C-alpha atoms as a PDB file:
ATOM      1  CA  UNK A   1     -19.088  23.795 -15.760  1.00  0.00           C
ATOM      2  CA  UNK A   2     -19.157  20.025 -16.328  1.00  0.00           C
ATOM      3  CA  UNK A   3     -16.394  18.004 -14.696  1.00  0.00           C
ATOM      4  CA  UNK A   4     -14.032  16.277 -17.127  1.00  0.00           C
ATOM      5  CA  UNK A   5     -12.983  12.717 -16.271  1.00  0.00           C
ATOM      6  CA  UNK A   6     -10.174  11.037 -18.195  1.00  0.00           C
ATOM      7  CA  UNK A   7      -9.732   7.264 -18.019  1.00  0.00           C
ATOM      8  CA  UNK A   8      -6.243   5.855 -18.559  1.00  0.00           C
ATOM      9  CA  UNK A   9      -5.443   2.161 -18.930  1.00  0.00           C
ATOM     10  CA  UNK A  10      -1.792   1.604 -18.022  1.00  0.00           C
ATOM     11  CA  UNK A  11       0.479  -1.051 -19.508  1.00  0.00           C
ATOM     12  CA  UNK A  12       4.249  -1.406 -19.497  1.00  0.00           C
ATOM     13  CA  UNK A  13       4.864   0.469 -22.761  1.00  0.00           C
ATOM     14  CA  UNK A  14       1.613   2.265 -23.575  1.00  0.00           C
ATOM     15  CA  UNK A  15      -1.210   4.305 -22.085  1.00  0.00           C
ATOM     16  CA  UNK A  16      -4.681   4.002 -23.582  1.00  0.00           C
ATOM     17  CA  UNK A  17      -6.582   7.209 -22.877  1.00  0.00           C
ATOM     18  CA  UNK A  18     -10.305   7.933 -23.046  1.00  0.00           C
ATOM     19  CA  UNK A  19     -11.292  11.569 -22.578  1.00  0.00           C
ATOM     20  CA  UNK A  20     -13.498  14.389 -23.883  1.00  0.00           C
ATOM     21  CA  UNK A  21     -10.861  17.141 -23.462  1.00  0.00           C
ATOM     22  CA  UNK A  22     -10.834  19.835 -26.160  1.00  0.00           C
ATOM     23  CA  UNK A  23      -7.838  19.614 -28.467  1.00  0.00           C
ATOM     24  CA  UNK A  24      -7.618  15.820 -28.324  1.00  0.00           C
ATOM     25  CA  UNK A  25      -8.780  13.239 -30.808  1.00  0.00           C
ATOM     26  CA  UNK A  26     -12.264  12.021 -29.933  1.00  0.00           C
ATOM     27  CA  UNK A  27     -12.565   8.714 -28.114  1.00  0.00           C
ATOM     28  CA  UNK A  28      -9.493   6.603 -27.464  1.00  0.00           C
ATOM     29  CA  UNK A  29      -5.865   7.630 -27.868  1.00  0.00           C
ATOM     30  CA  UNK A  30      -2.667   5.680 -27.257  1.00  0.00           C
ATOM     31  CA  UNK A  31       0.614   7.284 -26.174  1.00  0.00           C
ATOM     32  CA  UNK A  32       3.949   6.001 -24.888  1.00  0.00           C
ATOM     33  CA  UNK A  33       4.219   5.337 -21.161  1.00  0.00           C
ATOM     34  CA  UNK A  34       6.890   7.997 -20.647  1.00  0.00           C
ATOM     35  CA  UNK A  35       8.672  10.791 -22.480  1.00  0.00           C
ATOM     36  CA  UNK A  36       7.387  13.938 -24.119  1.00  0.00           C
ATOM     37  CA  UNK A  37       3.967  12.571 -25.089  1.00  0.00           C
ATOM     38  CA  UNK A  38       3.172  11.739 -21.474  1.00  0.00           C
ATOM     39  CA  UNK A  39       4.420  15.126 -20.247  1.00  0.00           C
ATOM     40  CA  UNK A  40       2.304  16.923 -22.852  1.00  0.00           C
ATOM     41  CA  UNK A  41      -0.777  14.866 -21.921  1.00  0.00           C
ATOM     42  CA  UNK A  42      -0.360  15.653 -18.217  1.00  0.00           C
ATOM     43  CA  UNK A  43      -0.028  19.386 -18.923  1.00  0.00           C
ATOM     44  CA  UNK A  44      -3.127  19.424 -21.134  1.00  0.00           C
ATOM     45  CA  UNK A  45      -5.104  17.569 -18.474  1.00  0.00           C
ATOM     46  CA  UNK A  46      -3.990  20.089 -15.846  1.00  0.00           C
ATOM     47  CA  UNK A  47      -4.900  23.078 -18.043  1.00  0.00           C
ATOM     48  CA  UNK A  48      -8.344  21.608 -18.718  1.00  0.00           C
ATOM     49  CA  UNK A  49      -8.917  21.001 -14.996  1.00  0.00           C
ATOM     50  CA  UNK A  50      -9.527  17.334 -15.783  1.00  0.00           C
ATOM     51  CA  UNK A  51      -9.629  14.515 -13.267  1.00  0.00           C
ATOM     52  CA  UNK A  52      -7.520  11.520 -14.387  1.00  0.00           C
ATOM     53  CA  UNK A  53      -8.546   8.012 -13.252  1.00  0.00           C
ATOM     54  CA  UNK A  54      -6.248   4.980 -13.573  1.00  0.00           C
ATOM     55  CA  UNK A  55      -5.526   1.700 -11.816  1.00  0.00           C
ATOM     56  CA  UNK A  56      -2.570   0.938  -9.566  1.00  0.00           C
ATOM     57  CA  UNK A  57      -0.411  -1.370 -11.680  1.00  0.00           C
ATOM     58  CA  UNK A  58       2.530  -2.352  -9.516  1.00  0.00           C
ATOM     59  CA  UNK A  59       5.005   0.218 -10.800  1.00  0.00           C
ATOM     60  CA  UNK A  60       3.977   0.654 -14.454  1.00  0.00           C
ATOM     61  CA  UNK A  61       1.936   3.703 -13.400  1.00  0.00           C
ATOM     62  CA  UNK A  62       4.946   5.453 -11.777  1.00  0.00           C
ATOM     63  CA  UNK A  63       5.751   7.638 -14.807  1.00  0.00           C
ATOM     64  CA  UNK A  64       2.101   8.677 -15.126  1.00  0.00           C
ATOM     65  CA  UNK A  65       1.897   9.572 -11.411  1.00  0.00           C
ATOM     66  CA  UNK A  66       5.049  11.672 -11.590  1.00  0.00           C
ATOM     67  CA  UNK A  67       3.975  13.482 -14.763  1.00  0.00           C
ATOM     68  CA  UNK A  68       0.570  14.341 -13.310  1.00  0.00           C
ATOM     69  CA  UNK A  69       2.110  15.507 -10.018  1.00  0.00           C
ATOM     70  CA  UNK A  70       4.615  17.752 -11.807  1.00  0.00           C
ATOM     71  CA  UNK A  71       1.883  19.219 -13.999  1.00  0.00           C
ATOM     72  CA  UNK A  72      -0.386  19.827 -11.000  1.00  0.00           C
ATOM     73  CA  UNK A  73      -3.199  17.683 -12.428  1.00  0.00           C
ATOM     74  CA  UNK A  74      -5.804  15.975 -10.281  1.00  0.00           C
ATOM     75  CA  UNK A  75      -5.835  12.188 -10.347  1.00  0.00           C
ATOM     76  CA  UNK A  76      -7.122   9.087  -8.565  1.00  0.00           C
ATOM     77  CA  UNK A  77      -5.080   5.883  -8.464  1.00  0.00           C
ATOM     78  CA  UNK A  78      -7.741   3.224  -7.831  1.00  0.00           C
ATOM     79  CA  UNK A  79      -7.662  -0.398  -6.719  1.00  0.00           C
ATOM     80  CA  UNK A  80      -7.878  -2.693  -9.810  1.00  0.00           C
ATOM     81  CA  UNK A  81     -10.325  -5.011  -8.012  1.00  0.00           C
ATOM     82  CA  UNK A  82     -12.635  -2.080  -7.325  1.00  0.00           C
ATOM     83  CA  UNK A  83     -12.447  -1.002 -10.965  1.00  0.00           C
ATOM     84  CA  UNK A  84     -13.258  -4.524 -12.160  1.00  0.00           C
ATOM     85  CA  UNK A  85     -16.208  -4.743  -9.757  1.00  0.00           C
ATOM     86  CA  UNK A  86     -17.512  -1.447 -11.134  1.00  0.00           C
ATOM     87  CA  UNK A  87     -17.212  -2.743 -14.720  1.00  0.00           C
ATOM     88  CA  UNK A  88     -19.181  -5.873 -13.878  1.00  0.00           C
ATOM     89  CA  UNK A  89     -21.797  -3.802 -12.035  1.00  0.00           C
ATOM     90  CA  UNK A  90     -22.499  -1.710 -15.160  1.00  0.00           C
ATOM     91  CA  UNK A  91     -22.580  -4.797 -17.386  1.00  0.00           C
ATOM     92  CA  UNK A  92     -19.131  -4.518 -19.005  1.00  0.00           C
ATOM     93  CA  UNK A  93     -17.988  -8.119 -19.514  1.00  0.00           C
ATOM     94  CA  UNK A  94     -15.378  -7.664 -22.237  1.00  0.00           C
ATOM     95  CA  UNK A  95     -11.911  -6.456 -21.325  1.00  0.00           C
ATOM     96  CA  UNK A  96      -9.625  -4.575 -23.692  1.00  0.00           C
ATOM     97  CA  UNK A  97      -7.322  -1.649 -23.008  1.00  0.00           C
ATOM     98  CA  UNK A  98      -9.669   0.803 -24.726  1.00  0.00           C
ATOM     99  CA  UNK A  99     -12.731  -0.552 -22.948  1.00  0.00           C
ATOM    100  CA  UNK A 100     -10.921  -0.331 -19.623  1.00  0.00           C
ATOM    101  CA  UNK A 101      -9.958   3.305 -20.258  1.00  0.00           C
ATOM    102  CA  UNK A 102     -13.563   4.195 -21.090  1.00  0.00           C
ATOM    103  CA  UNK A 103     -14.812   2.305 -18.034  1.00  0.00           C
ATOM    104  CA  UNK A 104     -12.351   4.164 -15.751  1.00  0.00           C
ATOM    105  CA  UNK A 105     -13.563   7.521 -17.056  1.00  0.00           C
ATOM    106  CA  UNK A 106     -17.138   6.473 -16.304  1.00  0.00           C
ATOM    107  CA  UNK A 107     -16.095   5.209 -12.872  1.00  0.00           C
ATOM    108  CA  UNK A 108     -14.652   8.620 -12.067  1.00  0.00           C
ATOM    109  CA  UNK A 109     -17.857  10.334 -13.146  1.00  0.00           C
ATOM    110  CA  UNK A 110     -20.174   7.999 -11.213  1.00  0.00           C
ATOM    111  CA  UNK A 111     -18.156   7.268  -8.058  1.00  0.00           C
ATOM    112  CA  UNK A 112     -15.794  10.249  -7.795  1.00  0.00           C
ATOM    113  CA  UNK A 113     -13.015   8.295  -6.010  1.00  0.00           C
ATOM    114  CA  UNK A 114     -10.791  10.058  -3.511  1.00  0.00           C
ATOM    115  CA  UNK A 115      -8.029  12.151  -5.011  1.00  0.00           C
ATOM    116  CA  UNK A 116      -4.547  10.694  -4.687  1.00  0.00           C
ATOM    117  CA  UNK A 117      -2.296  13.062  -2.804  1.00  0.00           C
ATOM    118  CA  UNK A 118       1.149  13.800  -4.308  1.00  0.00           C
ATOM    119  CA  UNK A 119       3.971  11.897  -2.603  1.00  0.00           C
ATOM    120  CA  UNK A 120       6.771  14.167  -1.310  1.00  0.00           C
ATOM    121  CA  UNK A 121      10.237  13.198  -2.625  1.00  0.00           C
ATOM    122  CA  UNK A 122      11.485  12.220   0.863  1.00  0.00           C
ATOM    123  CA  UNK A 123       8.590   9.804   1.372  1.00  0.00           C
ATOM    124  CA  UNK A 124       8.960   8.420  -2.144  1.00  0.00           C
ATOM    125  CA  UNK A 125      12.644   7.670  -1.478  1.00  0.00           C
ATOM    126  CA  UNK A 126      11.789   5.968   1.824  1.00  0.00           C
ATOM    127  CA  UNK A 127       9.050   3.920   0.155  1.00  0.00           C
ATOM    128  CA  UNK A 128      11.525   2.645  -2.422  1.00  0.00           C
ATOM    129  CA  UNK A 129      13.963   1.470   0.262  1.00  0.00           C
ATOM    130  CA  UNK A 130      11.232  -0.138   2.383  1.00  0.00           C
ATOM    131  CA  UNK A 131       9.759  -1.914  -0.636  1.00  0.00           C
ATOM    132  CA  UNK A 132      13.112  -3.284  -1.772  1.00  0.00           C
ATOM    133  CA  UNK A 133      13.952  -4.453   1.735  1.00  0.00           C
ATOM    134  CA  UNK A 134      10.629  -6.285   1.912  1.00  0.00           C
ATOM    135  CA  UNK A 135      11.380  -7.994  -1.426  1.00  0.00           C
ATOM    136  CA  UNK A 136      14.806  -9.133  -0.222  1.00  0.00           C
ATOM    137  CA  UNK A 137      13.347 -10.501   3.020  1.00  0.00           C
ATOM    138  CA  UNK A 138      10.788 -12.486   1.002  1.00  0.00           C
ATOM    139  CA  UNK A 139      13.572 -13.852  -1.206  1.00  0.00           C
ATOM    140  CA  UNK A 140      15.525 -14.920   1.889  1.00  0.00           C
ATOM    141  CA  UNK A 141      12.472 -16.710   3.271  1.00  0.00           C
ATOM    142  CA  UNK A 142      12.031 -18.578  -0.009  1.00  0.00           C
ATOM    143  CA  UNK A 143      15.668 -19.642   0.014  1.00  0.00           C
ATOM    144  CA  UNK A 144      15.376 -20.805   3.634  1.00  0.00           C
ATOM    145  CA  UNK A 145      12.429 -22.995   2.605  1.00  0.00           C
ATOM    146  CA  UNK A 146      14.412 -24.422  -0.316  1.00  0.00           C
ATOM    147  CA  UNK A 147      17.295 -25.204   2.031  1.00  0.00           C
ATOM    148  CA  UNK A 148      15.013 -27.402   4.122  1.00  0.00           C
ATOM    149  CA  UNK A 149      13.792 -29.201   0.995  1.00  0.00           C
ATOM    150  CA  UNK A 150      17.242 -29.854  -0.524  1.00  0.00           C
ATOM    151  CA  UNK A 151      19.460 -32.813   0.302  1.00  0.00           C
ATOM    152  CA  UNK A 152      22.286 -32.251  -2.187  1.00  0.00           C
ATOM    153  CA  UNK A 153      25.348 -30.818  -0.421  1.00  0.00           C
ATOM    154  CA  UNK A 154      26.390 -28.640  -3.379  1.00  0.00           C
ATOM    155  CA  UNK A 155      22.944 -27.122  -3.719  1.00  0.00           C
ATOM    156  CA  UNK A 156      22.750 -26.551   0.037  1.00  0.00           C
ATOM    157  CA  UNK A 157      26.082 -24.735   0.023  1.00  0.00           C
ATOM    158  CA  UNK A 158      24.915 -22.476  -2.793  1.00  0.00           C
ATOM    159  CA  UNK A 159      21.629 -21.689  -1.011  1.00  0.00           C
ATOM    160  CA  UNK A 160      23.456 -20.871   2.231  1.00  0.00           C
ATOM    161  CA  UNK A 161      25.777 -18.563   0.310  1.00  0.00           C
ATOM    162  CA  UNK A 162      22.806 -16.800  -1.267  1.00  0.00           C
ATOM    163  CA  UNK A 163      21.073 -16.443   2.107  1.00  0.00           C
ATOM    164  CA  UNK A 164      24.216 -14.844   3.537  1.00  0.00           C
ATOM    165  CA  UNK A 165      24.396 -12.471   0.546  1.00  0.00           C
ATOM    166  CA  UNK A 166      20.754 -11.491   0.990  1.00  0.00           C
ATOM    167  CA  UNK A 167      21.393 -10.871   4.684  1.00  0.00           C
ATOM    168  CA  UNK A 168      24.187  -8.428   3.858  1.00  0.00           C
ATOM    169  CA  UNK A 169      22.042  -6.617   1.306  1.00  0.00           C
ATOM    170  CA  UNK A 170      19.158  -6.356   3.794  1.00  0.00           C
ATOM    171  CA  UNK A 171      21.571  -4.864   6.321  1.00  0.00           C
ATOM    172  CA  UNK A 172      22.596  -2.230   3.755  1.00  0.00           C
ATOM    173  CA  UNK A 173      18.968  -1.296   3.204  1.00  0.00           C
ATOM    174  CA  UNK A 174      18.461  -1.110   6.976  1.00  0.00           C
ATOM    175  CA  UNK A 175      21.277   1.462   7.089  1.00  0.00           C
ATOM    176  CA  UNK A 176      19.774   3.450   4.204  1.00  0.00           C
ATOM    177  CA  UNK A 177      16.342   3.446   5.851  1.00  0.00           C
ATOM    178  CA  UNK A 178      17.837   4.638   9.126  1.00  0.00           C
ATOM    179  CA  UNK A 179      19.642   7.461   7.315  1.00  0.00           C
ATOM    180  CA  UNK A 180      16.480   8.595   5.526  1.00  0.00           C
ATOM    181  CA  UNK A 181      14.403   8.606   8.718  1.00  0.00           C
ATOM    182  CA  UNK A 182      16.980  10.391  10.866  1.00  0.00           C
ATOM    183  CA  UNK A 183      17.943  13.053   8.320  1.00  0.00           C
ATOM    184  CA  UNK A 184      14.345  14.197   7.778  1.00  0.00           C
ATOM    185  CA  UNK A 185      13.155  16.183  10.806  1.00  0.00           C
ATOM    186  CA  UNK A 186       9.479  15.245  10.457  1.00  0.00           C
ATOM    187  CA  UNK A 187      10.270  11.552   9.909  1.00  0.00           C
ATOM    188  CA  UNK A 188      12.649  11.509  12.893  1.00  0.00           C
ATOM    189  CA  UNK A 189      10.003  13.015  15.168  1.00  0.00           C
ATOM    190  CA  UNK A 190       7.355  10.480  14.095  1.00  0.00           C
ATOM    191  CA  UNK A 191       9.789   7.561  14.325  1.00  0.00           C
ATOM    192  CA  UNK A 192      10.854   8.472  17.853  1.00  0.00           C
ATOM    193  CA  UNK A 193       7.207   8.604  18.967  1.00  0.00           C
ATOM    194  CA  UNK A 194       6.199   5.360  17.261  1.00  0.00           C
ATOM    195  CA  UNK A 195       9.116   3.484  18.819  1.00  0.00           C
ATOM    196  CA  UNK A 196       7.862   4.234  22.330  1.00  0.00           C
ATOM    197  CA  UNK A 197       5.135   1.646  21.636  1.00  0.00           C
ATOM    198  CA  UNK A 198       5.849  -2.069  22.243  1.00  0.00           C
ATOM    199  CA  UNK A 199       6.743  -4.140  19.193  1.00  0.00           C
ATOM    200  CA  UNK A 200       7.660  -1.121  17.063  1.00  0.00           C
ATOM    201  CA  UNK A 201      11.267  -1.283  15.939  1.00  0.00           C
ATOM    202  CA  UNK A 202      13.090   0.826  13.331  1.00  0.00           C
ATOM    203  CA  UNK A 203      11.897  -1.187  10.324  1.00  0.00           C
ATOM    204  CA  UNK A 204       8.238  -1.227  11.398  1.00  0.00           C
ATOM    205  CA  UNK A 205       8.361   2.495  12.202  1.00  0.00           C
ATOM    206  CA  UNK A 206       9.924   3.306   8.822  1.00  0.00           C
ATOM    207  CA  UNK A 207       7.313   1.181   7.035  1.00  0.00           C
ATOM    208  CA  UNK A 208       4.496   3.035   8.808  1.00  0.00           C
ATOM    209  CA  UNK A 209       6.021   6.396   7.882  1.00  0.00           C
ATOM    210  CA  UNK A 210       6.503   5.387   4.248  1.00  0.00           C
ATOM    211  CA  UNK A 211       3.322   3.424   3.593  1.00  0.00           C
ATOM    212  CA  UNK A 212       0.746   4.960   5.954  1.00  0.00           C
ATOM    213  CA  UNK A 213       1.032   8.763   5.857  1.00  0.00           C
ATOM    214  CA  UNK A 214      -2.648   8.891   6.916  1.00  0.00           C
ATOM    215  CA  UNK A 215      -1.701   7.621  10.388  1.00  0.00           C
ATOM    216  CA  UNK A 216      -2.959  10.091  12.987  1.00  0.00           C
ATOM    217  CA  UNK A 217      -5.411  11.817  10.644  1.00  0.00           C
ATOM    218  CA  UNK A 218      -8.168   9.198  10.245  1.00  0.00           C
ATOM    219  CA  UNK A 219     -10.520   7.412  12.650  1.00  0.00           C
ATOM    220  CA  UNK A 220      -9.675   3.923  13.895  1.00  0.00           C
ATOM    221  CA  UNK A 221     -11.983   2.103  11.463  1.00  0.00           C
ATOM    222  CA  UNK A 222     -10.649   3.806   8.344  1.00  0.00           C
ATOM    223  CA  UNK A 223      -7.022   3.425   9.407  1.00  0.00           C
ATOM    224  CA  UNK A 224      -7.588  -0.297  10.087  1.00  0.00           C
ATOM    225  CA  UNK A 225      -9.118  -0.689   6.619  1.00  0.00           C
ATOM    226  CA  UNK A 226      -6.105   0.980   4.973  1.00  0.00           C
ATOM    227  CA  UNK A 227      -3.773  -1.397   6.782  1.00  0.00           C
ATOM    228  CA  UNK A 228      -5.878  -4.422   5.828  1.00  0.00           C
ATOM    229  CA  UNK A 229      -6.766  -5.181   9.451  1.00  0.00           C
ATOM    230  CA  UNK A 230     -10.503  -4.443   9.366  1.00  0.00           C
ATOM    231  CA  UNK A 231     -12.756  -7.526   9.601  1.00  0.00           C
ATOM    232  CA  UNK A 232     -15.002  -7.933   6.551  1.00  0.00           C
ATOM    233  CA  UNK A 233     -18.535  -9.355   6.975  1.00  0.00           C
ATOM    234  CA  UNK A 234     -19.755 -11.972   4.487  1.00  0.00           C
ATOM    235  CA  UNK A 235     -23.161 -12.710   6.008  1.00  0.00           C
ATOM    236  CA  UNK A 236     -25.949 -14.051   3.801  1.00  0.00           C
ATOM    237  CA  UNK A 237     -29.334 -15.216   5.083  1.00  0.00           C
ATOM    238  CA  UNK A 238     -28.755 -17.658   7.917  1.00  0.00           C
ATOM    239  CA  UNK A 239     -25.111 -17.996   7.014  1.00  0.00           C
ATOM    240  CA  UNK A 240     -22.833 -16.017   9.331  1.00  0.00           C
ATOM    241  CA  UNK A 241     -19.240 -17.165   8.747  1.00  0.00           C
ATOM    242  CA  UNK A 242     -16.405 -15.783  10.872  1.00  0.00           C
ATOM    243  CA  UNK A 243     -15.251 -12.377   9.675  1.00  0.00           C
ATOM    244  CA  UNK A 244     -11.814 -12.201   8.091  1.00  0.00           C
ATOM    245  CA  UNK A 245      -9.481  -9.366   7.158  1.00  0.00           C
ATOM    246  CA  UNK A 246      -9.087  -8.442   3.501  1.00  0.00           C
ATOM    247  CA  UNK A 247      -7.701  -5.725   1.237  1.00  0.00           C
ATOM    248  CA  UNK A 248      -5.493  -2.931   2.506  1.00  0.00           C
ATOM    249  CA  UNK A 249      -1.758  -2.560   2.033  1.00  0.00           C
ATOM    250  CA  UNK A 250      -0.019  -5.966   2.292  1.00  0.00           C
ATOM    251  CA  UNK A 251       3.390  -4.694   3.464  1.00  0.00           C
ATOM    252  CA  UNK A 252       1.738  -2.813   6.329  1.00  0.00           C
ATOM    253  CA  UNK A 253      -0.353  -5.783   7.361  1.00  0.00           C
ATOM    254  CA  UNK A 254       2.724  -8.033   7.450  1.00  0.00           C
ATOM    255  CA  UNK A 255       4.776  -5.571   9.510  1.00  0.00           C
ATOM    256  CA  UNK A 256       1.974  -4.872  11.981  1.00  0.00           C
ATOM    257  CA  UNK A 257       1.423  -8.605  12.431  1.00  0.00           C
ATOM    258  CA  UNK A 258       5.100  -9.066  13.333  1.00  0.00           C
ATOM    259  CA  UNK A 259       4.937  -6.060  15.684  1.00  0.00           C
ATOM    260  CA  UNK A 260       1.833  -7.493  17.352  1.00  0.00           C
ATOM    261  CA  UNK A 261       3.528 -10.870  17.744  1.00  0.00           C
ATOM    262  CA  UNK A 262       6.401  -9.225  19.632  1.00  0.00           C
ATOM    263  CA  UNK A 263       4.111  -6.995  21.718  1.00  0.00           C
ATOM    264  CA  UNK A 264       1.903  -9.931  22.714  1.00  0.00           C
ATOM    265  CA  UNK A 265       4.967 -11.842  23.922  1.00  0.00           C
ATOM    266  CA  UNK A 266       6.635  -9.074  25.932  1.00  0.00           C
ATOM    267  CA  UNK A 267       4.200  -6.376  27.048  1.00  0.00           C
ATOM    268  CA  UNK A 268       1.711  -7.221  29.821  1.00  0.00           C
ATOM    269  CA  UNK A 269      -1.204  -5.275  28.314  1.00  0.00           C
ATOM    270  CA  UNK A 270      -0.987  -7.017  24.956  1.00  0.00           C
ATOM    271  CA  UNK A 271      -0.097 -10.353  26.528  1.00  0.00           C
ATOM    272  CA  UNK A 272      -3.295 -10.214  28.602  1.00  0.00           C
ATOM    273  CA  UNK A 273      -5.368  -9.118  25.598  1.00  0.00           C
ATOM    274  CA  UNK A 274      -4.109 -12.001  23.455  1.00  0.00           C
ATOM    275  CA  UNK A 275      -4.552 -14.525  26.266  1.00  0.00           C
ATOM    276  CA  UNK A 276      -8.137 -13.386  26.841  1.00  0.00           C
ATOM    277  CA  UNK A 277      -9.008 -13.784  23.165  1.00  0.00           C
ATOM    278  CA  UNK A 278      -7.455 -17.253  22.963  1.00  0.00           C
ATOM    279  CA  UNK A 279      -9.260 -18.299  26.148  1.00  0.00           C
ATOM    280  CA  UNK A 280     -12.490 -17.239  24.416  1.00  0.00           C
ATOM    281  CA  UNK A 281     -11.754 -19.665  21.597  1.00  0.00           C
ATOM    282  CA  UNK A 282      -9.906 -17.481  19.098  1.00  0.00           C
ATOM    283  CA  UNK A 283      -7.084 -19.138  17.176  1.00  0.00           C
ATOM    284  CA  UNK A 284      -3.573 -17.815  17.903  1.00  0.00           C
ATOM    285  CA  UNK A 285      -3.416 -16.193  14.455  1.00  0.00           C
ATOM    286  CA  UNK A 286      -6.799 -14.473  14.877  1.00  0.00           C
ATOM    287  CA  UNK A 287      -5.749 -13.258  18.318  1.00  0.00           C
ATOM    288  CA  UNK A 288      -2.502 -11.788  16.971  1.00  0.00           C
ATOM    289  CA  UNK A 289      -4.419 -10.018  14.192  1.00  0.00           C
ATOM    290  CA  UNK A 290      -6.692  -8.512  16.845  1.00  0.00           C
ATOM    291  CA  UNK A 291      -3.590  -7.396  18.771  1.00  0.00           C
ATOM    292  CA  UNK A 292      -2.249  -5.798  15.567  1.00  0.00           C
ATOM    293  CA  UNK A 293      -5.506  -3.885  15.138  1.00  0.00           C
ATOM    294  CA  UNK A 294      -5.407  -2.731  18.759  1.00  0.00           C
ATOM    295  CA  UNK A 295      -1.768  -1.690  18.390  1.00  0.00           C
ATOM    296  CA  UNK A 296      -2.541   0.264  15.209  1.00  0.00           C
ATOM    297  CA  UNK A 297      -5.438   2.033  16.946  1.00  0.00           C
ATOM    298  CA  UNK A 298      -3.072   3.083  19.739  1.00  0.00           C
ATOM    299  CA  UNK A 299      -0.430   4.304  17.278  1.00  0.00           C
ATOM    300  CA  UNK A 300      -3.076   6.298  15.426  1.00  0.00           C
ATOM    301  CA  UNK A 301      -4.212   7.948  18.667  1.00  0.00           C
ATOM    302  CA  UNK A 302      -0.606   8.677  19.661  1.00  0.00           C
ATOM    303  CA  UNK A 303       0.110  10.602  16.464  1.00  0.00           C
ATOM    304  CA  UNK A 304      -3.228  12.382  16.550  1.00  0.00           C
ATOM    305  CA  UNK A 305      -2.709  13.593  20.113  1.00  0.00           C
ATOM    306  CA  UNK A 306       1.090  14.013  19.737  1.00  0.00           C
ATOM    307  CA  UNK A 307       1.792  11.855  22.803  1.00  0.00           C
ATOM    308  CA  UNK A 308       4.101   8.912  23.465  1.00  0.00           C
ATOM    309  CA  UNK A 309       2.913   5.447  24.440  1.00  0.00           C
ATOM    310  CA  UNK A 310       1.782   5.160  28.055  1.00  0.00           C
ATOM    311  CA  UNK A 311       1.228   1.776  29.667  1.00  0.00           C
END
């Protein structure tokens, strides 16, 4: 039996759908991004055994993900950059919602991207808290920068007040994250093990649990790529520029960088590793990124072998 691939272009209010499922209008269809129409679509896709392909859209795809999970339908949530590269590769230059939906269906058929695993409710709740905490920390950093750039006393007082408010809100999210990780038995076990490693505090551990469930189940190269810590080659002819990291999950990369910074300042193994790289001519930033990759490799091995960190 031929596999059925459904392409869905996601926007804030609407979903443009391209599919060959029996019982649907031929070609493109547009439904509301939520409500009964979406639930009915997800159930029909599940009954047909279809494979739904759509792009990650920064939250607008949440209702679609949840509907497909509840219906038991298969789906792949793909990187928008990868989808755009595929469109260019097959000669699709124009970009409309309907064209994108058709292109995503074709991408599923040709490339068969990895299925997206359903997110358990406990992990989804932890992800929400970790994401919001990250946003508040970024807001506080922006306000701290503005404080340095402002001379007016009234404006400075207001910025300081806002920074203090953000600090209190971040502390509340820290407490919520701690509650979620300690109340879940599996999360608590993973967090305790991760925190035996240098540089891994409660926030970093919670971020790894929420954003990298693959930790301990993949090889070191694939786990580094997911975290955005794998060096990417851009060689061409005689041109061999230095390799740089790219892609991955930005929140993870940021947290692992901070963890590596702490580990390379306090733990002798990572201190020596960073010093050796800098003595070889690496910049401090490049050396810390290499420490982050080494730390992630160790964490991955720890969870795979179910052992604590050993110096």
